[in-house]
């Protein structure tokens, strides 16, 4: 590979947090959908000592993509190197590193390095990758800075919860019901209209208009990762006014009598909109309850219909 074929770029940001805290946030990929706007979901394929193989689903220039990367974690050097094992065209190869450098006790310099090549060294493809890497790197570093610096405040605004049903039917049938979201406007009373695309098997773009308890409708858009009958993970990109973030997953587990189906949500509230939506004097506690009730009502309805569908087919 000649030097002219390999593009190398670096982005950096200064964060008001100890370097070790920043390293831990980046090292645990479970945090990524919450702190990095492009990331939809990350799954561990292998883990051994300081190395791991992960599969990442994320948007690049607004398009959902997925790839696998091998990472080497070095907590002593505060460095994480990565190399894509299987890239998605137009990317031919991609690698790099996160390097966290202490700037005193309470600040850090975070450097994000990338090197990459384009399929067939196509100039248009290289330009597309340049733009995607630049946009995602800037977005990820800014989000990382915000997440770390607002960790204390965000703790009150961030919450997770789960709804679960026992089903006397197969996990596959329940999975199919949730996976086939394109049929939800026919199958679920709270879904008014739905638009589902799946250009890559297992990677869905779902837009739908949902009816609230008060009769109003709101539009949401999500990217969904469908994992072989066992899990469907998603991240909303078009959000209601009360939320800064909404991620979650559906899980399906076989039991002796059928299966267990669960719907999990993680939410970060948008505090500046609480009184606009819920009225003067409303606070975080009221917003948490309102959002949880709205999401849980829809989840329980979907799980209930999925349960009926699976049990009827038993």
Protein backbone atom coordinates (compact mmCIF):
# COMPACT_ATOMS: atom_id res chain seq x y z
CA UNK A 1 0.00 0.00 0.00
CA UNK A 2 1.50 3.30 -1.04
CA UNK A 3 1.32 6.41 1.09
CA UNK A 4 -0.90 8.10 -1.48
CA UNK A 5 -3.55 5.39 -1.06
CA UNK A 6 -3.79 5.76 2.73
CA UNK A 7 -5.57 8.77 4.23
CA UNK A 8 -4.68 9.70 7.84
CA UNK A 9 -6.62 12.27 9.88
CA UNK A 10 -6.77 13.36 13.52
CA UNK A 11 -9.43 15.13 15.58
CA UNK A 12 -9.10 16.27 19.18
CA UNK A 13 -10.99 17.96 21.98
CA UNK A 14 -10.26 19.04 25.57
CA UNK A 15 -12.59 17.67 28.23
CA UNK A 16 -13.01 18.95 31.80
CA UNK A 17 -12.74 15.52 33.42
CA UNK A 18 -9.97 13.22 34.67
CA UNK A 19 -8.34 11.14 31.95
CA UNK A 20 -9.16 7.82 33.66
CA UNK A 21 -12.88 8.68 33.71
CA UNK A 22 -12.83 9.54 30.02
CA UNK A 23 -10.99 6.32 29.19
CA UNK A 24 -13.54 4.19 31.06
CA UNK A 25 -16.45 5.81 29.22
CA UNK A 26 -14.91 5.05 25.81
CA UNK A 27 -13.68 1.59 26.78
CA UNK A 28 -17.16 0.29 27.66
CA UNK A 29 -18.98 0.03 24.32
CA UNK A 30 -22.33 -0.37 26.11
CA UNK A 31 -22.14 3.42 26.62
CA UNK A 32 -21.77 4.23 22.93
CA UNK A 33 -25.41 4.48 21.76
CA UNK A 34 -26.03 6.83 24.69
CA UNK A 35 -23.03 9.13 24.25
CA UNK A 36 -22.25 8.99 20.51
CA UNK A 37 -25.05 10.26 18.23
CA UNK A 38 -24.05 8.15 15.17
CA UNK A 39 -23.98 4.85 17.11
CA UNK A 40 -27.12 2.71 16.96
CA UNK A 41 -25.92 -0.44 18.73
CA UNK A 42 -22.71 -2.33 19.59
CA UNK A 43 -22.47 -6.08 20.18
CA UNK A 44 -19.53 -8.07 21.56
CA UNK A 45 -18.51 -11.00 19.37
CA UNK A 46 -15.34 -11.97 21.26
CA UNK A 47 -13.61 -10.83 24.46
CA UNK A 48 -10.25 -12.01 25.77
CA UNK A 49 -8.02 -10.07 28.14
CA UNK A 50 -7.33 -6.64 26.68
CA UNK A 51 -8.69 -7.48 23.22
CA UNK A 52 -12.22 -7.66 21.90
CA UNK A 53 -14.06 -8.07 18.63
CA UNK A 54 -17.15 -5.87 18.35
CA UNK A 55 -19.82 -5.31 15.74
CA UNK A 56 -20.97 -1.72 15.36
CA UNK A 57 -24.11 -0.37 13.75
CA UNK A 58 -23.99 3.39 13.14
CA UNK A 59 -25.02 6.08 10.70
CA UNK A 60 -22.49 7.59 8.28
CA UNK A 61 -23.64 10.68 6.38
CA UNK A 62 -27.18 9.79 7.44
CA UNK A 63 -27.00 6.21 6.12
CA UNK A 64 -27.08 3.20 8.48
CA UNK A 65 -23.97 1.02 8.18
CA UNK A 66 -22.41 -1.84 10.13
CA UNK A 67 -18.93 -3.28 10.49
CA UNK A 68 -16.79 -5.36 12.83
CA UNK A 69 -13.72 -3.99 14.59
CA UNK A 70 -11.00 -5.52 16.71
CA UNK A 71 -9.97 -3.36 19.67
CA UNK A 72 -6.93 -3.46 21.93
CA UNK A 73 -7.47 -1.76 25.30
CA UNK A 74 -4.52 -0.36 27.23
CA UNK A 75 -5.79 1.28 30.45
CA UNK A 76 -2.26 2.05 31.66
CA UNK A 77 -1.41 4.05 28.53
CA UNK A 78 -5.02 5.37 28.28
CA UNK A 79 -5.07 4.21 24.66
CA UNK A 80 -7.55 2.13 22.64
CA UNK A 81 -6.57 1.04 19.14
CA UNK A 82 -9.10 -0.29 16.65
CA UNK A 83 -9.07 -1.90 13.22
CA UNK A 84 -12.10 -2.81 11.15
CA UNK A 85 -12.14 -6.52 10.34
CA UNK A 86 -15.00 -6.32 7.86
CA UNK A 87 -15.67 -2.88 6.40
CA UNK A 88 -18.72 -1.70 4.49
CA UNK A 89 -18.25 -0.17 1.01
CA UNK A 90 -17.17 2.41 0.03
CA UNK A 91 -14.66 1.83 2.89
CA UNK A 92 -11.93 -0.69 1.98
CA UNK A 93 -10.02 -0.46 5.28
CA UNK A 94 -10.30 1.60 8.44
CA UNK A 95 -8.37 1.80 11.68
CA UNK A 96 -7.14 4.22 14.29
CA UNK A 97 -6.91 4.96 17.98
CA UNK A 98 -8.39 6.83 20.92
CA UNK A 99 -5.62 8.48 22.95
CA UNK A 100 -6.46 10.23 26.22
CA UNK A 101 -3.79 12.56 27.62
CA UNK A 102 -4.06 14.01 31.15
CA UNK A 103 -4.05 17.81 31.31
CA UNK A 104 -3.70 18.13 35.06
CA UNK A 105 -5.97 16.32 37.51
CA UNK A 106 -9.34 17.49 36.17
CA UNK A 107 -8.89 17.85 32.40
CA UNK A 108 -7.95 15.65 29.45
CA UNK A 109 -6.99 15.97 25.82
CA UNK A 110 -8.80 13.36 23.73
CA UNK A 111 -7.28 12.53 20.34
CA UNK A 112 -9.17 10.43 17.80
CA UNK A 113 -6.99 9.09 14.98
CA UNK A 114 -8.22 7.45 11.75
CA UNK A 115 -6.49 5.90 8.77
CA UNK A 116 -8.50 4.55 5.84
CA UNK A 117 -8.64 3.59 2.18
CA UNK A 118 -11.51 3.56 -0.31
CA UNK A 119 -12.66 0.67 -2.48
CA UNK A 120 -10.70 0.79 -5.76
CA UNK A 121 -9.17 4.10 -4.56
CA UNK A 122 -12.20 5.81 -6.06
CA UNK A 123 -11.90 9.61 -5.55
CA UNK A 124 -15.65 10.09 -5.03
CA UNK A 125 -15.68 7.31 -2.44
CA UNK A 126 -12.67 8.81 -0.66
CA UNK A 127 -14.48 12.16 -0.48
CA UNK A 128 -17.55 10.42 0.97
CA UNK A 129 -15.38 8.73 3.62
CA UNK A 130 -13.57 12.02 4.38
CA UNK A 131 -16.91 13.69 5.07
CA UNK A 132 -18.29 10.77 7.10
CA UNK A 133 -15.16 10.48 9.27
CA UNK A 134 -14.99 14.22 9.82
CA UNK A 135 -18.69 14.54 10.68
CA UNK A 136 -18.77 11.50 12.95
CA UNK A 137 -15.47 12.36 14.68
CA UNK A 138 -16.59 15.90 15.47
CA UNK A 139 -19.99 14.62 16.61
CA UNK A 140 -18.49 11.88 18.79
CA UNK A 141 -15.92 14.14 20.44
CA UNK A 142 -18.47 16.88 21.15
CA UNK A 143 -20.90 14.31 22.54
CA UNK A 144 -18.16 12.73 24.64
CA UNK A 145 -17.27 16.13 26.10
CA UNK A 146 -20.91 16.85 26.92
CA UNK A 147 -21.53 13.40 28.41
CA UNK A 148 -18.48 13.51 30.65
CA UNK A 149 -18.86 17.10 31.82
CA UNK A 150 -22.59 16.79 32.49
CA UNK A 151 -22.39 13.34 34.06
CA UNK A 152 -23.72 14.51 37.41
CA UNK A 153 -26.62 16.49 35.96
CA UNK A 154 -27.37 13.79 33.41
CA UNK A 155 -27.72 11.17 36.14
CA UNK A 156 -31.03 12.73 37.22
CA UNK A 157 -32.19 13.07 33.62
CA UNK A 158 -31.24 9.53 32.57
CA UNK A 159 -33.31 6.48 33.48
CA UNK A 160 -34.04 2.97 32.23
CA UNK A 161 -36.94 0.57 32.72
CA UNK A 162 -38.26 -2.70 31.32
CA UNK A 163 -41.62 -4.39 30.68
CA UNK A 164 -41.85 -8.19 30.46
CA UNK A 165 -44.53 -10.75 29.54
CA UNK A 166 -44.60 -14.54 29.76
CA UNK A 167 -45.83 -16.13 26.55
CA UNK A 168 -47.18 -19.65 26.03
CA UNK A 169 -45.85 -19.65 22.50
CA UNK A 170 -42.56 -19.69 20.61
CA UNK A 171 -39.91 -16.99 20.93
CA UNK A 172 -39.62 -17.03 17.12
CA UNK A 173 -43.27 -16.04 16.66
CA UNK A 174 -42.97 -13.16 19.16
CA UNK A 175 -39.73 -12.04 17.48
CA UNK A 176 -41.42 -12.17 14.07
CA UNK A 177 -44.26 -9.97 15.31
CA UNK A 178 -41.85 -7.28 16.54
CA UNK A 179 -39.53 -7.70 13.55
CA UNK A 180 -42.38 -7.26 11.06
CA UNK A 181 -42.99 -3.65 12.10
CA UNK A 182 -44.18 -2.82 8.59
CA UNK A 183 -47.46 -4.52 9.56
CA UNK A 184 -47.91 -2.67 12.85
CA UNK A 185 -50.51 -0.19 11.54
CA UNK A 186 -52.72 -3.25 10.85
CA UNK A 187 -51.81 -5.09 14.05
CA UNK A 188 -51.44 -2.37 16.72
CA UNK A 189 -54.22 0.13 17.55
CA UNK A 190 -51.73 2.79 18.76
CA UNK A 191 -49.83 2.86 15.43
CA UNK A 192 -51.52 5.10 12.86
CA UNK A 193 -49.08 4.76 9.95
CA UNK A 194 -45.74 3.05 9.49
CA UNK A 195 -42.90 3.17 6.93
CA UNK A 196 -40.29 0.40 7.17
CA UNK A 197 -37.24 -0.07 4.94
CA UNK A 198 -34.66 -2.86 5.21
CA UNK A 199 -32.09 -2.44 2.44
CA UNK A 200 -29.59 -4.53 4.42
CA UNK A 201 -31.02 -7.67 6.08
CA UNK A 202 -31.33 -7.11 9.81
CA UNK A 203 -30.82 -3.32 9.62
CA UNK A 204 -34.13 -1.47 9.52
CA UNK A 205 -35.23 2.15 9.25
CA UNK A 206 -38.61 2.56 10.93
CA UNK A 207 -40.76 5.71 10.77
CA UNK A 208 -44.18 5.71 12.35
CA UNK A 209 -46.98 7.93 13.57
CA UNK A 210 -48.09 6.82 17.03
CA UNK A 211 -51.33 7.73 18.82
CA UNK A 212 -50.96 8.96 22.40
CA UNK A 213 -53.52 8.34 25.16
CA UNK A 214 -54.96 11.85 24.60
CA UNK A 215 -55.61 11.10 20.93
CA UNK A 216 -52.73 13.16 19.56
CA UNK A 217 -50.19 11.61 17.19
CA UNK A 218 -46.44 12.06 17.03
CA UNK A 219 -43.90 10.94 14.45
CA UNK A 220 -40.77 9.02 15.37
CA UNK A 221 -37.90 7.59 13.34
CA UNK A 222 -35.68 4.78 14.56
CA UNK A 223 -32.88 2.60 13.28
CA UNK A 224 -33.29 -1.04 14.36
CA UNK A 225 -30.75 -3.87 14.53
CA UNK A 226 -32.40 -7.30 14.36
CA UNK A 227 -30.26 -10.07 15.84
CA UNK A 228 -31.22 -13.58 14.71
CA UNK A 229 -34.41 -14.04 16.63
CA UNK A 230 -32.97 -13.16 20.04
CA UNK A 231 -32.89 -9.37 20.19
CA UNK A 232 -33.97 -6.20 18.36
CA UNK A 233 -32.03 -3.10 19.43
CA UNK A 234 -33.02 0.39 18.32
CA UNK A 235 -32.18 4.06 18.58
CA UNK A 236 -34.66 6.84 17.90
CA UNK A 237 -33.36 9.71 15.79
CA UNK A 238 -36.58 11.73 15.56
CA UNK A 239 -37.65 12.33 19.15
CA UNK A 240 -40.62 13.77 21.04
CA UNK A 241 -39.96 17.17 22.63
CA UNK A 242 -39.36 15.79 26.14
CA UNK A 243 -36.46 13.53 25.14
CA UNK A 244 -32.82 14.14 24.25
CA UNK A 245 -32.22 10.41 23.76
CA UNK A 246 -34.22 7.20 23.49
CA UNK A 247 -32.59 3.81 22.95
CA UNK A 248 -33.82 0.36 23.77
CA UNK A 249 -34.15 -3.27 22.84
CA UNK A 250 -36.62 -6.12 22.64
CA UNK A 251 -35.44 -9.53 23.88
CA UNK A 252 -36.93 -12.99 23.35
CA UNK A 253 -35.90 -15.94 25.53
CA UNK A 254 -37.26 -19.48 25.36
CA UNK A 255 -38.60 -21.11 28.54
CA UNK A 256 -40.00 -24.52 29.48
CA UNK A 257 -43.54 -23.28 28.84
CA UNK A 258 -42.91 -20.93 25.91
CA UNK A 259 -40.86 -17.77 26.13
CA UNK A 260 -40.25 -14.48 27.92
CA UNK A 261 -40.46 -11.26 25.91
CA UNK A 262 -39.16 -7.94 27.23
CA UNK A 263 -39.01 -4.33 26.10
CA UNK A 264 -36.26 -2.15 27.64
CA UNK A 265 -35.96 1.63 27.33
CA UNK A 266 -33.18 4.10 28.21
CA UNK A 267 -34.17 7.77 28.12
CA UNK A 268 -32.41 11.10 28.64
CA UNK A 269 -34.87 13.93 29.28
CA UNK A 270 -34.75 17.39 27.70
CA UNK A 271 -35.11 19.61 30.79
CA UNK A 272 -35.71 22.89 28.96
CA UNK A 273 -38.99 21.52 27.52
CA UNK A 274 -40.51 20.08 30.70
CA UNK A 275 -42.61 23.10 31.68
CA UNK A 276 -43.53 23.80 28.04
CA UNK A 277 -45.02 20.32 27.74
CA UNK A 278 -46.24 19.55 31.26
CA UNK A 279 -47.04 23.04 32.54
CA UNK A 280 -45.60 25.51 35.09
CA UNK A 281 -44.04 23.91 38.14
CA UNK A 282 -43.47 20.54 36.51
CA UNK A 283 -40.02 19.09 37.16
CA UNK A 284 -37.82 16.13 36.35
CA UNK A 285 -39.85 13.72 38.51
CA UNK A 286 -43.07 14.56 36.66
CA UNK A 287 -41.31 14.29 33.29
CA UNK A 288 -39.84 10.90 34.16
CA UNK A 289 -43.25 9.58 35.15
CA UNK A 290 -44.94 11.05 32.04
CA UNK A 291 -42.38 9.62 29.61
CA UNK A 292 -42.22 6.26 31.34
CA UNK A 293 -45.99 5.96 31.29
CA UNK A 294 -46.22 6.86 27.60
CA UNK A 295 -43.46 4.49 26.48
CA UNK A 296 -44.52 1.69 28.79
CA UNK A 297 -48.15 1.90 27.64
CA UNK A 298 -47.07 1.38 24.02
CA UNK A 299 -44.55 -1.34 24.91
CA UNK A 300 -47.06 -3.29 26.96
CA UNK A 301 -49.62 -2.97 24.16
CA UNK A 302 -47.12 -4.28 21.60
CA UNK A 303 -46.03 -7.12 23.89
CA UNK A 304 -49.66 -8.02 24.54
CA UNK A 305 -50.50 -8.25 20.85
CA UNK A 306 -47.27 -10.17 20.17
CA UNK A 307 -48.20 -12.60 22.95
CA UNK A 308 -51.68 -13.14 21.46
CA UNK A 309 -50.17 -13.62 18.00
CA UNK A 310 -47.66 -16.23 19.22
CA UNK A 311 -50.15 -18.10 21.41
CA UNK A 312 -52.68 -18.29 18.55
CA UNK A 313 -50.02 -19.90 16.36
CA UNK A 314 -48.89 -22.43 18.96
